[in-house]
Amino acid sequence: KAQENGDHLITEFKKLSQKYDIIGDVRGWGMFVGVDLVKDRTTREAHTSPAKFMVQRLREEKILAQYDGPYCNVLKFKPPLAFTKENCDRLIQTMDRIFEEMLEINFED
């Protein structure tokens, strides 16, 4: 079940990446998923401030995530194995809403 839900989560993140250019890459295995936030998909230049903003906004929504990587631009999700498809969908819907908010913000980095 965890692998199935992890695959669902990755599929949904990839759909978000088609909607938002800030998502440079989605990768993962099972329920361990990483989402790169970039300034430009071609150069893959890291975009740190939006990652920190997303983690803070998710925390306000009672969803735990971390940022990681050498440039702190990778959103990292390690949900518990009991994480359901409904939990995955709530995470994706919440992030979609926050990405919409981020379109109005001029991040400095």
Foldseek 3Di string as FASTA:
>chain_A
DQQVLLVVLQVLVVVVVVVDVQFQDWDDGRQKIKTFGAPGNVVRHGDAPVLVVLQVQVVVVVHHWAFDDPRSGIIIGDDDSVQDNVNSVVVSVSVSVVSVVCVPDDRDD
